[in-house]
Amino acid sequence: MTADLASPQPPDPVPPPPQHPAGLNHAVTRFERRRAEARREGEPSLGRHLAMMGAYGWILVTPTLIGLFLGRWLDDQFNTGITFAAALIMAGVAFGFRLVWLRMHQP
């Protein structure tokens, strides 16, 4: 037998704990706070959920319609076909989705 096999092997080093992203602790704390609040207040009613969806619909439709009407007016003024209407409808939809996103993520 050689001396290499007879010598005891050192134990494997313990790997360091994983490093968490900077915002993970904040996200977990916020999740726990929201969960405790939901337990305390209970689940919102069906009517409240339907009202929220209706509000989201209007928040999305309003900027879209404003873009449509403004675009049609600009197209009539400059005789450009549907160029302004198409561009402002898309801008209105994008702005509406942004507003809905912000509203959904309010505490």
Protein backbone atom coordinates (compact mmCIF):
# COMPACT_ATOMS: atom_id res chain seq x y z
CA MET A 1 0.00 0.00 0.00
CA THR A 2 1.19 3.47 -0.74
CA ALA A 3 1.23 6.35 1.66
CA ASP A 4 -1.25 8.29 -0.48
CA LEU A 5 -4.06 5.82 0.05
CA ALA A 6 -3.43 5.42 3.75
CA SER A 7 -3.59 9.12 4.59
CA PRO A 8 -7.04 10.39 5.55
CA GLN A 9 -8.75 12.66 3.05
CA PRO A 10 -9.81 16.09 4.29
CA PRO A 11 -13.59 16.54 4.37
CA ASP A 12 -15.20 18.32 1.42
CA PRO A 13 -15.44 22.04 2.07
CA VAL A 14 -18.94 23.32 2.79
CA PRO A 15 -20.15 25.39 -0.16
CA PRO A 16 -21.02 28.99 0.65
CA PRO A 17 -24.71 29.85 0.87
CA PRO A 18 -26.23 31.08 -2.39
CA GLN A 19 -26.25 34.80 -2.98
CA HIS A 20 -29.74 36.22 -3.44
CA PRO A 21 -30.59 39.10 -5.74
CA ALA A 22 -30.72 42.48 -4.06
CA GLY A 23 -34.50 42.88 -4.24
CA LEU A 24 -35.41 39.36 -3.14
CA ASN A 25 -35.72 40.18 0.56
CA HIS A 26 -37.90 43.18 -0.27
CA ALA A 27 -40.11 41.07 -2.56
CA VAL A 28 -40.53 38.36 0.08
CA THR A 29 -41.39 40.93 2.74
CA ARG A 30 -43.96 42.56 0.46
CA PHE A 31 -45.46 39.15 -0.39
CA GLU A 32 -45.77 38.23 3.29
CA ARG A 33 -47.39 41.60 4.08
CA ARG A 34 -49.92 41.19 1.27
CA ARG A 35 -50.69 37.63 2.33
CA ALA A 36 -51.32 38.74 5.93
CA GLU A 37 -53.54 41.58 4.69
CA ALA A 38 -55.53 39.17 2.48
CA ARG A 39 -56.07 36.85 5.45
CA ARG A 40 -57.21 39.75 7.59
CA GLU A 41 -59.53 41.36 5.04
CA GLY A 42 -60.66 38.28 3.11
CA GLU A 43 -61.13 37.73 -0.62
CA PRO A 44 -62.73 40.62 -2.56
CA SER A 45 -66.27 39.93 -3.76
CA LEU A 46 -67.21 38.97 -7.30
CA GLY A 47 -68.77 42.40 -7.79
CA ARG A 48 -65.54 44.10 -6.83
CA HIS A 49 -63.59 41.96 -9.30
CA LEU A 50 -66.09 42.74 -12.08
CA ALA A 51 -65.95 46.46 -11.27
CA MET A 52 -62.15 46.34 -11.43
CA MET A 53 -62.25 44.63 -14.85
CA GLY A 54 -64.71 47.24 -16.11
CA ALA A 55 -62.45 50.03 -14.91
CA TYR A 56 -59.48 48.39 -16.65
CA GLY A 57 -61.53 48.26 -19.85
CA TRP A 58 -62.32 51.96 -19.72
CA ILE A 59 -58.73 52.81 -18.84
CA LEU A 60 -57.65 50.96 -22.00
CA VAL A 61 -60.42 52.18 -24.33
CA THR A 62 -60.32 55.88 -23.48
CA PRO A 63 -56.76 56.65 -24.74
CA THR A 64 -57.45 54.47 -27.80
CA LEU A 65 -60.56 56.46 -28.72
CA ILE A 66 -58.79 59.75 -28.10
CA GLY A 67 -56.04 58.58 -30.47
CA LEU A 68 -58.64 57.57 -33.06
CA PHE A 69 -60.51 60.88 -33.02
CA LEU A 70 -57.37 63.00 -32.91
CA GLY A 71 -55.80 60.95 -35.71
CA ARG A 72 -58.90 61.22 -37.91
CA TRP A 73 -58.97 64.98 -37.38
CA LEU A 74 -55.27 65.30 -38.26
CA ASP A 75 -55.76 63.10 -41.34
CA ASP A 76 -58.60 65.35 -42.49
CA GLN A 77 -56.51 68.48 -41.90
CA PHE A 78 -53.44 67.22 -43.78
CA ASN A 79 -55.21 64.89 -46.25
CA THR A 80 -52.93 61.95 -45.29
CA GLY A 81 -55.32 58.99 -45.56
CA ILE A 82 -55.12 56.99 -42.32
CA THR A 83 -51.53 57.70 -41.35
CA PHE A 84 -52.19 59.75 -38.22
CA ALA A 85 -55.20 57.67 -37.20
CA ALA A 86 -53.24 54.40 -37.34
CA ALA A 87 -50.25 55.84 -35.49
CA LEU A 88 -52.31 57.49 -32.76
CA ILE A 89 -54.52 54.41 -32.28
CA MET A 90 -51.40 52.33 -31.68
CA ALA A 91 -50.01 54.99 -29.35
CA GLY A 92 -53.34 55.10 -27.50
CA VAL A 93 -53.41 51.32 -27.09
CA ALA A 94 -49.83 51.30 -25.81
CA PHE A 95 -50.57 54.15 -23.40
CA GLY A 96 -53.77 52.42 -22.26
CA PHE A 97 -51.95 49.16 -21.56
CA ARG A 98 -49.32 51.08 -19.60
CA LEU A 99 -52.04 52.73 -17.51
CA VAL A 100 -53.72 49.38 -16.85
CA TRP A 101 -50.35 47.86 -15.89
CA LEU A 102 -49.67 50.67 -13.43
CA ARG A 103 -53.18 50.40 -11.98
CA MET A 104 -52.92 46.64 -11.54
CA HIS A 105 -49.66 46.94 -9.62
CA GLN A 106 -50.84 49.56 -7.15
CA PRO A 107 -50.98 48.24 -3.59
